[in-house]
Amino acid sequence: MTDLGQRAVDLRIYPPALGVLAQAAVLISLGASVGLGAAGWLIGLGFSVATWVLLSRALQHPDVRQWGPADSVTFCRLILTGGVAALVADAVVGDEHRAVLIGLAAVSLILDAGDGQVARRTGTASRFGARFDMEADSVLAIVLSIYLGTSLGWWAVTIGLFRYAFVLASRVMPWLDAPLPFRMSRKVVAASQGVVLVVASAGLLPTPMAQACVAVSIGTLVWSFGIDVGYLWRQSALKRVREFSYN
C-alpha cells in the first residue's frame, strides 16, 4: 500500500475510533459522578455513533490529506459536546445537573478560541478543519439552545437552528451553497452566540434578562445570515446575467 493510501486508511479509521472510545469514557465518567439516566445514555451513545459515521464519511473526501493538531482540539470540543448533549437529555426529562453541564460547555467554548490559533501557528489550516470547526460550533449551539428551551421557553431553540435552516435551504436553492468571503462580523456574531448560550444556560441572569440576551442574539443572527443570503443572491443573479449574455 502506498503512503497516500495508508494515510487515507488511517484517517478513516483512527480519529473516529478514538472518538468513540473518548466519548464512551466521558459518558462513563458522567455516569459514575452524577448518574446519567436512560435518556442521557441514549442520547450520548447516539451522539457517539452519529459522530463516528459522519466523521468517517467526511474523512473519505479526497481533499482531506491529514489530521492536524487543530482538528484534535476541535474533536475534543465535539466529545465534550456529546457529554453536554447527554446531560441536556436528562434535564429535559427532569434530571438536571446544571453545574457539570455548564462546566463541559464552558470548556468546549474556551477550546473554540484555540483551535483556529493552533491551525495558524502550526501551518495546518485546511478547508476540512474550518468546516469541522463550524459544525462543532453548530452542534454545541443546538444542544444548549434545547437546554435553554426548558427554562426560557421553546422559542429559544431558534438560536441554535440558524445553521441547520441555512443548510436545508441550500438543498432547495443551490445558489446558497456557494462560497462566502471572510467577514469579521460573522465571526463576532458566532462567538457572541456561544457566550450568550453558556451564560444564559448557567442561570446567572434573571429570567427576563436572559430572555432579552437570547432575543438580541437571535436578532444579530438574523442580520448576519441576512447579509450572507443577500450576497449569495446577488452573486447568483450576476452569474445568471453573465450566462445569458454569453448565450
Protein backbone atom coordinates (compact mmCIF):
# COMPACT_ATOMS: atom_id res chain seq x y z
CA MET A 1 0.00 0.00 0.00
CA THR A 2 1.29 3.47 -0.89
CA ASP A 3 1.96 6.09 1.77
CA LEU A 4 -1.00 8.09 0.47
CA GLY A 5 -3.26 5.04 0.64
CA GLN A 6 -2.08 4.19 4.13
CA ARG A 7 -2.69 7.76 5.25
CA ALA A 8 -6.22 7.62 3.85
CA VAL A 9 -6.93 4.39 5.72
CA ASP A 10 -5.55 5.85 8.95
CA LEU A 11 -7.71 8.95 8.63
CA ARG A 12 -10.86 6.93 8.07
CA ILE A 13 -10.23 4.58 10.99
CA TYR A 14 -8.19 6.09 13.81
CA PRO A 15 -9.77 9.51 14.61
CA PRO A 16 -13.38 8.21 14.53
CA ALA A 17 -12.45 5.09 16.54
CA LEU A 18 -10.58 7.13 19.15
CA GLY A 19 -13.54 9.48 19.29
CA VAL A 20 -15.91 6.62 20.12
CA LEU A 21 -13.61 5.48 22.92
CA ALA A 22 -13.20 9.02 24.28
CA GLN A 23 -16.94 9.63 24.14
CA ALA A 24 -17.55 6.37 25.99
CA ALA A 25 -15.05 7.47 28.65
CA VAL A 26 -16.88 10.80 29.09
CA LEU A 27 -20.25 9.08 29.41
CA ILE A 28 -18.90 6.52 31.88
CA SER A 29 -17.35 9.34 33.93
CA LEU A 30 -20.65 11.21 33.95
CA GLY A 31 -22.50 8.05 34.89
CA ALA A 32 -20.16 7.46 37.81
CA SER A 33 -20.10 11.07 39.02
CA VAL A 34 -23.62 12.46 38.52
CA GLY A 35 -25.54 9.38 37.42
CA LEU A 36 -26.80 9.55 33.85
CA GLY A 37 -30.38 8.48 33.32
CA ALA A 38 -31.74 6.38 30.46
CA ALA A 39 -32.30 9.49 28.27
CA GLY A 40 -28.73 10.66 28.85
CA TRP A 41 -27.23 7.30 27.93
CA LEU A 42 -29.44 7.01 24.85
CA ILE A 43 -28.59 10.46 23.51
CA GLY A 44 -24.92 10.18 24.50
CA LEU A 45 -24.47 6.86 22.71
CA GLY A 46 -26.47 8.10 19.73
CA PHE A 47 -24.27 11.20 19.56
CA SER A 48 -21.18 8.98 19.57
CA VAL A 49 -22.46 6.78 16.75
CA ALA A 50 -23.56 9.78 14.66
CA THR A 51 -20.16 11.43 15.14
CA TRP A 52 -18.34 8.24 14.11
CA VAL A 53 -20.47 7.83 10.95
CA LEU A 54 -20.36 11.47 9.82
CA LEU A 55 -16.68 11.97 10.57
CA SER A 56 -15.74 8.72 8.81
CA ARG A 57 -17.61 9.91 5.72
CA ALA A 58 -16.03 13.37 5.84
CA LEU A 59 -12.52 11.92 6.11
CA GLN A 60 -13.04 9.88 2.95
CA HIS A 61 -13.13 13.05 0.86
CA PRO A 62 -10.10 13.12 -1.47
CA ASP A 63 -9.23 16.69 -0.41
CA VAL A 64 -8.62 15.57 3.17
CA ARG A 65 -4.95 14.57 3.37
CA GLN A 66 -4.06 15.00 7.03
CA TRP A 67 -5.38 15.27 10.56
CA GLY A 68 -3.79 18.32 12.14
CA PRO A 69 -3.37 19.29 15.81
CA ALA A 70 -6.18 21.84 15.50
CA ASP A 71 -8.51 19.05 14.33
CA SER A 72 -7.71 17.19 17.56
CA VAL A 73 -8.68 20.28 19.56
CA THR A 74 -11.96 20.54 17.65
CA PHE A 75 -12.54 16.83 18.19
CA CYS A 76 -12.10 17.29 21.95
CA ARG A 77 -14.73 20.02 21.80
CA LEU A 78 -17.10 17.70 19.98
CA ILE A 79 -16.58 14.93 22.54
CA LEU A 80 -17.33 17.37 25.37
CA THR A 81 -20.46 18.42 23.48
CA GLY A 82 -21.52 14.77 23.46
CA GLY A 83 -21.39 14.88 27.25
CA VAL A 84 -23.39 18.12 27.25
CA ALA A 85 -25.98 16.51 24.96
CA ALA A 86 -26.36 13.57 27.38
CA LEU A 87 -26.86 15.93 30.32
CA VAL A 88 -29.34 18.06 28.35
CA ALA A 89 -31.35 14.92 27.53
CA ASP A 90 -31.56 14.13 31.25
CA ALA A 91 -32.51 17.76 32.00
CA VAL A 92 -35.37 17.62 29.50
CA VAL A 93 -36.90 14.69 31.38
CA GLY A 94 -36.37 16.40 34.74
CA ASP A 95 -33.00 15.12 35.99
CA GLU A 96 -30.77 18.20 35.87
CA HIS A 97 -27.05 18.51 36.61
CA ARG A 98 -26.51 22.15 35.66
CA ALA A 99 -23.05 22.71 37.15
CA VAL A 100 -21.44 19.81 35.27
CA LEU A 101 -23.34 20.65 32.08
CA ILE A 102 -22.19 24.28 32.11
CA GLY A 103 -18.65 23.23 33.02
CA LEU A 104 -18.36 20.97 29.98
CA ALA A 105 -19.96 23.60 27.72
CA ALA A 106 -17.64 26.34 29.03
CA VAL A 107 -14.52 24.22 28.41
CA SER A 108 -15.76 23.47 24.89
CA LEU A 109 -16.32 27.18 24.29
CA ILE A 110 -12.84 28.05 25.58
CA LEU A 111 -11.26 25.43 23.30
CA ASP A 112 -13.16 27.01 20.40
CA ALA A 113 -10.99 30.09 20.85
CA GLY A 114 -7.85 27.97 20.49
CA ASP A 115 -8.26 25.58 17.56
CA GLY A 116 -8.03 28.31 14.92
CA GLN A 117 -4.86 29.71 16.51
CA VAL A 118 -3.34 26.22 16.66
CA ALA A 119 -4.08 25.71 12.97
CA ARG A 120 -2.47 29.01 12.00
CA ARG A 121 0.61 28.63 14.21
CA THR A 122 1.28 25.07 13.02
CA GLY A 123 0.54 25.86 9.37
CA THR A 124 -2.11 23.12 9.24
CA ALA A 125 -5.19 25.18 8.42
CA SER A 126 -7.43 23.39 5.92
CA ARG A 127 -10.89 23.57 4.41
CA PHE A 128 -11.80 20.38 6.29
CA GLY A 129 -10.63 21.92 9.57
CA ALA A 130 -12.67 25.08 9.01
CA ARG A 131 -15.79 23.05 8.21
CA PHE A 132 -15.17 20.73 11.16
CA ASP A 133 -14.86 23.75 13.47
CA MET A 134 -18.09 25.26 12.15
CA GLU A 135 -20.05 22.03 12.56
CA ALA A 136 -18.73 21.59 16.12
CA ASP A 137 -19.92 25.14 16.90
CA SER A 138 -23.34 24.41 15.41
CA VAL A 139 -23.82 21.20 17.37
CA LEU A 140 -22.99 22.87 20.69
CA ALA A 141 -25.36 25.75 19.81
CA ILE A 142 -28.33 23.49 19.08
CA VAL A 143 -27.70 21.36 22.19
CA LEU A 144 -27.51 24.39 24.50
CA SER A 145 -30.50 26.04 22.84
CA ILE A 146 -32.58 22.95 23.61
CA TYR A 147 -31.47 23.22 27.22
CA LEU A 148 -32.46 26.90 27.27
CA GLY A 149 -35.84 25.93 25.88
CA THR A 150 -36.61 24.04 29.08
CA SER A 151 -36.32 27.22 31.16
CA LEU A 152 -36.79 30.26 28.90
CA GLY A 153 -39.40 28.85 26.56
CA TRP A 154 -39.04 26.74 23.45
CA TRP A 155 -38.76 29.81 21.23
CA ALA A 156 -35.15 29.99 22.50
CA VAL A 157 -34.31 26.90 20.43
CA THR A 158 -34.40 29.24 17.43
CA ILE A 159 -30.90 30.47 18.31
CA GLY A 160 -29.45 27.03 17.53
CA LEU A 161 -31.43 26.40 14.35
CA PHE A 162 -29.99 29.04 12.02
CA ARG A 163 -27.11 26.97 10.65
CA TYR A 164 -29.31 23.93 10.02
CA ALA A 165 -32.08 26.01 8.44
CA PHE A 166 -29.48 27.53 6.12
CA VAL A 167 -28.17 24.06 5.14
CA LEU A 168 -31.69 22.78 4.45
CA ALA A 169 -32.49 25.87 2.39
CA SER A 170 -29.35 25.31 0.32
CA ARG A 171 -30.71 21.88 -0.68
CA VAL A 172 -33.70 23.61 -2.25
CA MET A 173 -31.80 26.66 -3.51
CA PRO A 174 -28.30 25.50 -4.55
CA TRP A 175 -27.07 29.07 -5.00
CA LEU A 176 -26.93 29.29 -1.20
CA ASP A 177 -24.17 26.67 -1.23
CA ALA A 178 -21.65 28.97 -2.93
CA PRO A 179 -18.52 30.06 -1.02
CA LEU A 180 -18.69 33.16 1.15
CA PRO A 181 -15.90 35.71 1.60
CA PHE A 182 -14.37 36.22 5.04
CA ARG A 183 -16.33 38.65 7.19
CA MET A 184 -15.19 39.55 10.70
CA SER A 185 -18.69 40.47 11.81
CA ARG A 186 -19.79 36.90 11.06
CA LYS A 187 -17.12 35.55 13.42
CA VAL A 188 -18.06 38.07 16.11
CA VAL A 189 -21.74 37.13 15.91
CA ALA A 190 -20.93 33.41 16.06
CA ALA A 191 -18.61 33.90 19.06
CA SER A 192 -21.14 36.05 20.90
CA GLN A 193 -23.80 33.42 20.28
CA GLY A 194 -21.74 30.83 22.15
CA VAL A 195 -21.13 33.18 25.08
CA VAL A 196 -24.83 34.08 25.33
CA LEU A 197 -25.83 30.41 25.27
CA VAL A 198 -23.43 29.44 28.05
CA VAL A 199 -24.18 32.45 30.28
CA ALA A 200 -27.96 32.15 29.84
CA SER A 201 -27.80 28.38 30.44
CA ALA A 202 -25.79 28.90 33.64
CA GLY A 203 -28.72 30.71 35.27
CA LEU A 204 -26.52 33.65 36.25
CA LEU A 205 -29.04 36.18 34.93
CA PRO A 206 -32.64 36.87 35.93
CA THR A 207 -35.02 35.17 33.51
CA PRO A 208 -36.21 38.40 31.78
CA MET A 209 -32.59 39.49 31.21
CA ALA A 210 -31.59 36.06 29.91
CA GLN A 211 -34.57 36.12 27.54
CA ALA A 212 -33.57 39.58 26.34
CA CYS A 213 -29.98 38.46 25.71
CA VAL A 214 -31.16 35.45 23.71
CA ALA A 215 -33.58 37.63 21.73
CA VAL A 216 -30.80 40.10 20.88
CA SER A 217 -28.54 37.21 19.84
CA ILE A 218 -31.28 35.88 17.57
CA GLY A 219 -31.60 39.35 16.07
CA THR A 220 -27.87 39.54 15.32
CA LEU A 221 -28.02 36.09 13.73
CA VAL A 222 -30.91 37.21 11.50
CA TRP A 223 -28.83 40.24 10.49
CA SER A 224 -25.67 38.20 9.85
CA PHE A 225 -27.37 35.45 7.88
CA GLY A 226 -29.34 38.10 6.00
CA ILE A 227 -26.09 39.72 4.83
CA ASP A 228 -24.78 36.35 3.62
CA VAL A 229 -28.01 35.42 1.85
CA GLY A 230 -28.12 38.84 0.18
CA TYR A 231 -24.52 38.46 -1.01
CA LEU A 232 -25.14 34.95 -2.37
CA TRP A 233 -28.34 36.07 -4.12
CA ARG A 234 -26.52 38.95 -5.83
CA GLN A 235 -23.69 36.65 -6.92
CA SER A 236 -26.23 34.17 -8.31
CA ALA A 237 -28.02 36.96 -10.17
CA LEU A 238 -24.75 38.22 -11.68
CA LYS A 239 -23.88 34.67 -12.74
CA ARG A 240 -27.24 34.29 -14.48
CA VAL A 241 -26.78 37.64 -16.26
CA ARG A 242 -23.30 36.62 -17.48
CA GLU A 243 -24.58 33.26 -18.69
CA PHE A 244 -27.48 34.96 -20.51
CA SER A 245 -25.17 37.49 -22.17
CA TYR A 246 -22.80 34.72 -23.31
CA ASN A 247 -25.69 32.84 -24.88
